[in-house]
């Protein structure tokens, strides 16, 4: 059985049971996350570009199991709000109209002692809005994600900017070498936009408001 939630996502009812079961089986894990950053799988309309359906850039996929989760995503998670790390914690209103509010909130909770777990059998599916199907929108989204990452990174600003610049240069080269491959070309550009965002964030470039401006 599936039901829509308040975010417009299609939720399989079993997701709630999977999350709850993982929570009860792992009492030391105070925040249980479906996959990584929400476990959201994008649903594309029939007329979407083939490369987009293949890459699924709107989806949120998990990190490898060996990597520690240090942030989260509100689209698909179960939280224990009685944990001290969440006590009195609120989302930063400065990020309310731009990307990064989830990252800032959950990374701060992690630093305060919250531990994040995976519920790999739990998925939600989200139809992609027409205005978010453009490649330009995706580039801006990755760029702003990069800026948010710079805000929560524990690295020094100089190291972060230098590293991001090198990675962005590599991505530009990869894009140039794959210009005749629509999928690989766009993947390289999207990755490059992320690193440019990190560099911009490290250098203190103000973030653009992207929500609630119309």
C-alpha atoms as a PDB file:
ATOM      1  CA  UNK A   1       0.000   0.000   0.000  1.00  0.00           C
ATOM      2  CA  UNK A   2       1.204   3.516  -0.795  1.00  0.00           C
ATOM      3  CA  UNK A   3       0.128   6.882   0.604  1.00  0.00           C
ATOM      4  CA  UNK A   4       1.201  10.484  -0.155  1.00  0.00           C
ATOM      5  CA  UNK A   5       2.868  12.491   2.601  1.00  0.00           C
ATOM      6  CA  UNK A   6       2.976  16.251   3.240  1.00  0.00           C
ATOM      7  CA  UNK A   7       6.060  16.617   1.014  1.00  0.00           C
ATOM      8  CA  UNK A   8       4.288  15.157  -2.014  1.00  0.00           C
ATOM      9  CA  UNK A   9       6.276  11.944  -1.766  1.00  0.00           C
ATOM     10  CA  UNK A  10       4.823   8.502  -2.346  1.00  0.00           C
ATOM     11  CA  UNK A  11       5.445   6.490   0.806  1.00  0.00           C
ATOM     12  CA  UNK A  12       5.194   2.719   0.960  1.00  0.00           C
ATOM     13  CA  UNK A  13       3.461   1.980   4.252  1.00  0.00           C
ATOM     14  CA  UNK A  14       5.994  -0.744   5.053  1.00  0.00           C
ATOM     15  CA  UNK A  15       8.642   1.993   5.342  1.00  0.00           C
ATOM     16  CA  UNK A  16       7.306   3.013   8.740  1.00  0.00           C
ATOM     17  CA  UNK A  17       7.452  -0.557  10.000  1.00  0.00           C
ATOM     18  CA  UNK A  18      10.991  -1.036   8.659  1.00  0.00           C
ATOM     19  CA  UNK A  19      12.198   2.149  10.359  1.00  0.00           C
ATOM     20  CA  UNK A  20      10.483   1.266  13.622  1.00  0.00           C
ATOM     21  CA  UNK A  21      11.877  -2.260  13.569  1.00  0.00           C
ATOM     22  CA  UNK A  22      15.412  -0.987  13.022  1.00  0.00           C
ATOM     23  CA  UNK A  23      14.917   1.476  15.840  1.00  0.00           C
ATOM     24  CA  UNK A  24      13.877  -1.251  18.278  1.00  0.00           C
ATOM     25  CA  UNK A  25      16.691  -3.569  17.177  1.00  0.00           C
ATOM     26  CA  UNK A  26      19.363  -0.897  17.572  1.00  0.00           C
ATOM     27  CA  UNK A  27      18.552   0.955  20.788  1.00  0.00           C
ATOM     28  CA  UNK A  28      21.947   2.662  20.822  1.00  0.00           C
ATOM     29  CA  UNK A  29      21.159   4.379  17.534  1.00  0.00           C
ATOM     30  CA  UNK A  30      19.099   7.438  18.360  1.00  0.00           C
ATOM     31  CA  UNK A  31      18.493   8.525  14.800  1.00  0.00           C
ATOM     32  CA  UNK A  32      17.619   5.995  12.131  1.00  0.00           C
ATOM     33  CA  UNK A  33      17.958   7.065   8.572  1.00  0.00           C
ATOM     34  CA  UNK A  34      16.655   5.338   5.511  1.00  0.00           C
ATOM     35  CA  UNK A  35      19.695   4.785   3.392  1.00  0.00           C
ATOM     36  CA  UNK A  36      21.645   8.053   3.259  1.00  0.00           C
ATOM     37  CA  UNK A  37      20.149  11.524   3.253  1.00  0.00           C
ATOM     38  CA  UNK A  38      16.610  10.266   3.074  1.00  0.00           C
ATOM     39  CA  UNK A  39      16.544   7.325   0.686  1.00  0.00           C
ATOM     40  CA  UNK A  40      14.430   9.249  -1.800  1.00  0.00           C
ATOM     41  CA  UNK A  41      14.014   7.769  -5.260  1.00  0.00           C
ATOM     42  CA  UNK A  42      12.953  10.213  -7.973  1.00  0.00           C
ATOM     43  CA  UNK A  43      10.036   9.402 -10.254  1.00  0.00           C
ATOM     44  CA  UNK A  44      10.408  11.007 -13.687  1.00  0.00           C
ATOM     45  CA  UNK A  45       7.700  11.786 -16.249  1.00  0.00           C
ATOM     46  CA  UNK A  46       7.692   9.846 -19.488  1.00  0.00           C
ATOM     47  CA  UNK A  47       9.055  12.782 -21.504  1.00  0.00           C
ATOM     48  CA  UNK A  48      12.111  13.379 -19.284  1.00  0.00           C
ATOM     49  CA  UNK A  49      15.569  13.146 -20.948  1.00  0.00           C
ATOM     50  CA  UNK A  50      17.011   9.605 -21.136  1.00  0.00           C
ATOM     51  CA  UNK A  51      20.238  10.638 -19.375  1.00  0.00           C
ATOM     52  CA  UNK A  52      18.214  11.968 -16.426  1.00  0.00           C
ATOM     53  CA  UNK A  53      16.370   8.698 -15.920  1.00  0.00           C
ATOM     54  CA  UNK A  54      19.670   6.834 -16.131  1.00  0.00           C
ATOM     55  CA  UNK A  55      21.591   9.027 -13.667  1.00  0.00           C
ATOM     56  CA  UNK A  56      18.590   9.954 -11.472  1.00  0.00           C
ATOM     57  CA  UNK A  57      20.267  13.130 -10.145  1.00  0.00           C
ATOM     58  CA  UNK A  58      17.251  14.042  -8.007  1.00  0.00           C
ATOM     59  CA  UNK A  59      17.478  10.831  -5.982  1.00  0.00           C
ATOM     60  CA  UNK A  60      19.259  10.452  -2.654  1.00  0.00           C
ATOM     61  CA  UNK A  61      21.383   7.318  -2.522  1.00  0.00           C
ATOM     62  CA  UNK A  62      23.260   5.774   0.432  1.00  0.00           C
ATOM     63  CA  UNK A  63      26.919   6.124   1.236  1.00  0.00           C
ATOM     64  CA  UNK A  64      28.925   2.875   1.378  1.00  0.00           C
ATOM     65  CA  UNK A  65      28.185   0.988   4.580  1.00  0.00           C
ATOM     66  CA  UNK A  66      31.752   1.446   5.837  1.00  0.00           C
ATOM     67  CA  UNK A  67      31.361   5.234   5.920  1.00  0.00           C
ATOM     68  CA  UNK A  68      29.912   6.901   8.981  1.00  0.00           C
ATOM     69  CA  UNK A  69      26.777   8.966   8.467  1.00  0.00           C
ATOM     70  CA  UNK A  70      27.376  12.457   9.825  1.00  0.00           C
ATOM     71  CA  UNK A  71      24.313  14.265   8.484  1.00  0.00           C
ATOM     72  CA  UNK A  72      20.783  13.477   7.436  1.00  0.00           C
ATOM     73  CA  UNK A  73      17.773  14.365   5.377  1.00  0.00           C
ATOM     74  CA  UNK A  74      14.235  14.971   6.617  1.00  0.00           C
ATOM     75  CA  UNK A  75      12.519  13.328   3.659  1.00  0.00           C
ATOM     76  CA  UNK A  76      12.736   9.805   5.066  1.00  0.00           C
ATOM     77  CA  UNK A  77      13.893   9.321   8.626  1.00  0.00           C
ATOM     78  CA  UNK A  78      12.883   8.378  12.123  1.00  0.00           C
ATOM     79  CA  UNK A  79      14.294  10.413  15.014  1.00  0.00           C
ATOM     80  CA  UNK A  80      14.349   9.949  18.765  1.00  0.00           C
ATOM     81  CA  UNK A  81      13.647  13.486  19.947  1.00  0.00           C
ATOM     82  CA  UNK A  82      14.292  12.480  23.555  1.00  0.00           C
ATOM     83  CA  UNK A  83      18.017  12.190  22.806  1.00  0.00           C
ATOM     84  CA  UNK A  84      19.963  15.107  24.344  1.00  0.00           C
ATOM     85  CA  UNK A  85      21.476  15.992  20.954  1.00  0.00           C
ATOM     86  CA  UNK A  86      18.012  16.947  19.687  1.00  0.00           C
ATOM     87  CA  UNK A  87      16.809  18.679  22.862  1.00  0.00           C
ATOM     88  CA  UNK A  88      15.860  22.244  22.018  1.00  0.00           C
ATOM     89  CA  UNK A  89      17.493  21.993  18.592  1.00  0.00           C
ATOM     90  CA  UNK A  90      15.806  23.904  15.798  1.00  0.00           C
ATOM     91  CA  UNK A  91      16.425  24.376  12.120  1.00  0.00           C
ATOM     92  CA  UNK A  92      18.458  27.461  11.289  1.00  0.00           C
ATOM     93  CA  UNK A  93      16.092  30.014   9.749  1.00  0.00           C
ATOM     94  CA  UNK A  94      18.999  31.482   7.801  1.00  0.00           C
ATOM     95  CA  UNK A  95      18.890  28.342   5.670  1.00  0.00           C
ATOM     96  CA  UNK A  96      15.112  28.256   5.362  1.00  0.00           C
ATOM     97  CA  UNK A  97      15.043  29.596   1.801  1.00  0.00           C
ATOM     98  CA  UNK A  98      18.223  27.984   0.539  1.00  0.00           C
ATOM     99  CA  UNK A  99      19.679  24.509   0.416  1.00  0.00           C
ATOM    100  CA  UNK A 100      21.437  23.126   3.449  1.00  0.00           C
ATOM    101  CA  UNK A 101      19.019  23.404   6.372  1.00  0.00           C
ATOM    102  CA  UNK A 102      18.923  19.624   6.857  1.00  0.00           C
ATOM    103  CA  UNK A 103      22.699  19.288   6.637  1.00  0.00           C
ATOM    104  CA  UNK A 104      23.282  22.040   9.184  1.00  0.00           C
ATOM    105  CA  UNK A 105      20.682  20.647  11.590  1.00  0.00           C
ATOM    106  CA  UNK A 106      21.752  17.006  11.501  1.00  0.00           C
ATOM    107  CA  UNK A 107      25.486  17.633  11.416  1.00  0.00           C
ATOM    108  CA  UNK A 108      25.148  19.769  14.537  1.00  0.00           C
ATOM    109  CA  UNK A 109      23.167  16.987  16.207  1.00  0.00           C
ATOM    110  CA  UNK A 110      25.863  14.489  15.242  1.00  0.00           C
ATOM    111  CA  UNK A 111      28.582  16.651  16.769  1.00  0.00           C
ATOM    112  CA  UNK A 112      26.440  16.841  19.906  1.00  0.00           C
ATOM    113  CA  UNK A 113      26.389  13.062  20.228  1.00  0.00           C
ATOM    114  CA  UNK A 114      23.590  11.746  18.011  1.00  0.00           C
ATOM    115  CA  UNK A 115      24.405   8.555  16.126  1.00  0.00           C
ATOM    116  CA  UNK A 116      22.893   7.845  12.729  1.00  0.00           C
ATOM    117  CA  UNK A 117      21.913   4.424  11.387  1.00  0.00           C
ATOM    118  CA  UNK A 118      20.659   2.977   8.114  1.00  0.00           C
ATOM    119  CA  UNK A 119      17.362   1.304   7.323  1.00  0.00           C
ATOM    120  CA  UNK A 120      18.291   0.042   3.886  1.00  0.00           C
ATOM    121  CA  UNK A 121      14.940  -1.587   3.117  1.00  0.00           C
ATOM    122  CA  UNK A 122      13.000   1.663   3.555  1.00  0.00           C
ATOM    123  CA  UNK A 123      12.294   3.800   0.482  1.00  0.00           C
ATOM    124  CA  UNK A 124      10.115   6.725  -0.485  1.00  0.00           C
ATOM    125  CA  UNK A 125       9.444   7.808  -4.040  1.00  0.00           C
ATOM    126  CA  UNK A 126       9.077  11.426  -5.082  1.00  0.00           C
ATOM    127  CA  UNK A 127       7.652  12.673  -8.398  1.00  0.00           C
ATOM    128  CA  UNK A 128       9.936  15.367  -9.790  1.00  0.00           C
ATOM    129  CA  UNK A 129       8.260  18.730 -10.311  1.00  0.00           C
ATOM    130  CA  UNK A 130       8.371  20.034 -13.910  1.00  0.00           C
ATOM    131  CA  UNK A 131      10.342  23.153 -12.931  1.00  0.00           C
ATOM    132  CA  UNK A 132      13.071  20.930 -11.455  1.00  0.00           C
ATOM    133  CA  UNK A 133      13.682  18.932 -14.625  1.00  0.00           C
ATOM    134  CA  UNK A 134      16.024  21.454 -16.215  1.00  0.00           C
ATOM    135  CA  UNK A 135      19.764  20.913 -16.171  1.00  0.00           C
ATOM    136  CA  UNK A 136      20.217  24.525 -15.033  1.00  0.00           C
ATOM    137  CA  UNK A 137      18.140  23.822 -11.905  1.00  0.00           C
ATOM    138  CA  UNK A 138      20.264  20.770 -11.140  1.00  0.00           C
ATOM    139  CA  UNK A 139      23.493  22.741 -11.517  1.00  0.00           C
ATOM    140  CA  UNK A 140      22.223  25.376  -9.090  1.00  0.00           C
ATOM    141  CA  UNK A 141      21.094  22.686  -6.666  1.00  0.00           C
ATOM    142  CA  UNK A 142      24.513  21.004  -6.614  1.00  0.00           C
ATOM    143  CA  UNK A 143      26.239  24.367  -6.267  1.00  0.00           C
ATOM    144  CA  UNK A 144      24.109  25.260  -3.245  1.00  0.00           C
ATOM    145  CA  UNK A 145      24.673  21.814  -1.732  1.00  0.00           C
ATOM    146  CA  UNK A 146      28.366  22.534  -2.006  1.00  0.00           C
ATOM    147  CA  UNK A 147      27.956  25.840  -0.203  1.00  0.00           C
ATOM    148  CA  UNK A 148      26.068  24.096   2.597  1.00  0.00           C
ATOM    149  CA  UNK A 149      28.793  21.466   2.878  1.00  0.00           C
ATOM    150  CA  UNK A 150      31.368  24.201   3.375  1.00  0.00           C
ATOM    151  CA  UNK A 151      29.282  25.556   6.259  1.00  0.00           C
ATOM    152  CA  UNK A 152      29.357  22.268   8.176  1.00  0.00           C
ATOM    153  CA  UNK A 153      32.838  21.074   7.257  1.00  0.00           C
ATOM    154  CA  UNK A 154      35.398  20.827  10.052  1.00  0.00           C
ATOM    155  CA  UNK A 155      38.250  21.545   7.619  1.00  0.00           C
ATOM    156  CA  UNK A 156      39.991  24.908   7.511  1.00  0.00           C
ATOM    157  CA  UNK A 157      38.598  27.367   4.975  1.00  0.00           C
ATOM    158  CA  UNK A 158      41.883  27.493   3.062  1.00  0.00           C
ATOM    159  CA  UNK A 159      42.209  23.725   2.780  1.00  0.00           C
ATOM    160  CA  UNK A 160      38.574  23.382   1.754  1.00  0.00           C
ATOM    161  CA  UNK A 161      38.789  26.046  -0.961  1.00  0.00           C
ATOM    162  CA  UNK A 162      42.040  24.669  -2.403  1.00  0.00           C
ATOM    163  CA  UNK A 163      40.791  21.080  -2.423  1.00  0.00           C
ATOM    164  CA  UNK A 164      37.462  22.054  -3.994  1.00  0.00           C
ATOM    165  CA  UNK A 165      39.197  24.111  -6.694  1.00  0.00           C
ATOM    166  CA  UNK A 166      41.373  21.129  -7.630  1.00  0.00           C
ATOM    167  CA  UNK A 167      38.374  18.802  -7.768  1.00  0.00           C
ATOM    168  CA  UNK A 168      36.363  21.269  -9.843  1.00  0.00           C
ATOM    169  CA  UNK A 169      39.251  21.517 -12.304  1.00  0.00           C
ATOM    170  CA  UNK A 170      39.380  17.716 -12.557  1.00  0.00           C
ATOM    171  CA  UNK A 171      35.622  17.632 -13.222  1.00  0.00           C
ATOM    172  CA  UNK A 172      35.997  20.253 -15.960  1.00  0.00           C
ATOM    173  CA  UNK A 173      38.603  18.081 -17.621  1.00  0.00           C
ATOM    174  CA  UNK A 174      36.400  15.006 -17.291  1.00  0.00           C
ATOM    175  CA  UNK A 175      33.524  16.910 -18.879  1.00  0.00           C
ATOM    176  CA  UNK A 176      35.709  18.015 -21.783  1.00  0.00           C
ATOM    177  CA  UNK A 177      36.804  14.423 -22.407  1.00  0.00           C
ATOM    178  CA  UNK A 178      33.235  13.130 -22.358  1.00  0.00           C
ATOM    179  CA  UNK A 179      31.565  15.908 -24.329  1.00  0.00           C
ATOM    180  CA  UNK A 180      30.134  13.362 -26.795  1.00  0.00           C
ATOM    181  CA  UNK A 181      28.595  11.276 -24.020  1.00  0.00           C
ATOM    182  CA  UNK A 182      25.457  13.077 -22.756  1.00  0.00           C
ATOM    183  CA  UNK A 183      25.359  11.074 -19.537  1.00  0.00           C
ATOM    184  CA  UNK A 184      29.019  11.263 -18.500  1.00  0.00           C
ATOM    185  CA  UNK A 185      29.306  14.891 -19.616  1.00  0.00           C
ATOM    186  CA  UNK A 186      26.427  15.999 -17.428  1.00  0.00           C
ATOM    187  CA  UNK A 187      27.551  13.884 -14.482  1.00  0.00           C
ATOM    188  CA  UNK A 188      30.963  15.579 -14.593  1.00  0.00           C
ATOM    189  CA  UNK A 189      29.412  19.049 -14.782  1.00  0.00           C
ATOM    190  CA  UNK A 190      27.103  18.343 -11.851  1.00  0.00           C
ATOM    191  CA  UNK A 191      29.999  17.086  -9.778  1.00  0.00           C
ATOM    192  CA  UNK A 192      32.011  20.136 -10.739  1.00  0.00           C
ATOM    193  CA  UNK A 193      29.173  22.449  -9.709  1.00  0.00           C
ATOM    194  CA  UNK A 194      29.174  20.804  -6.276  1.00  0.00           C
ATOM    195  CA  UNK A 195      32.888  21.481  -5.805  1.00  0.00           C
ATOM    196  CA  UNK A 196      32.520  25.058  -7.057  1.00  0.00           C
ATOM    197  CA  UNK A 197      29.855  25.511  -4.412  1.00  0.00           C
ATOM    198  CA  UNK A 198      32.195  24.177  -1.730  1.00  0.00           C
ATOM    199  CA  UNK A 199      34.892  26.590  -2.872  1.00  0.00           C
ATOM    200  CA  UNK A 200      32.434  29.490  -2.878  1.00  0.00           C
ATOM    201  CA  UNK A 201      31.204  28.594   0.591  1.00  0.00           C
ATOM    202  CA  UNK A 202      34.744  28.331   1.916  1.00  0.00           C
ATOM    203  CA  UNK A 203      35.514  31.771   0.499  1.00  0.00           C
ATOM    204  CA  UNK A 204      32.430  33.277   2.110  1.00  0.00           C
ATOM    205  CA  UNK A 205      30.291  33.848  -0.992  1.00  0.00           C
ATOM    206  CA  UNK A 206      26.689  34.615   0.126  1.00  0.00           C
ATOM    207  CA  UNK A 207      24.199  31.859  -0.652  1.00  0.00           C
ATOM    208  CA  UNK A 208      21.267  32.614  -2.937  1.00  0.00           C
ATOM    209  CA  UNK A 209      17.693  32.177  -1.736  1.00  0.00           C
ATOM    210  CA  UNK A 210      16.044  29.509  -3.883  1.00  0.00           C
ATOM    211  CA  UNK A 211      12.780  28.745  -2.061  1.00  0.00           C
ATOM    212  CA  UNK A 212       9.808  31.021  -1.452  1.00  0.00           C
ATOM    213  CA  UNK A 213      11.014  33.754  -3.799  1.00  0.00           C
ATOM    214  CA  UNK A 214       8.169  33.592  -6.294  1.00  0.00           C
END
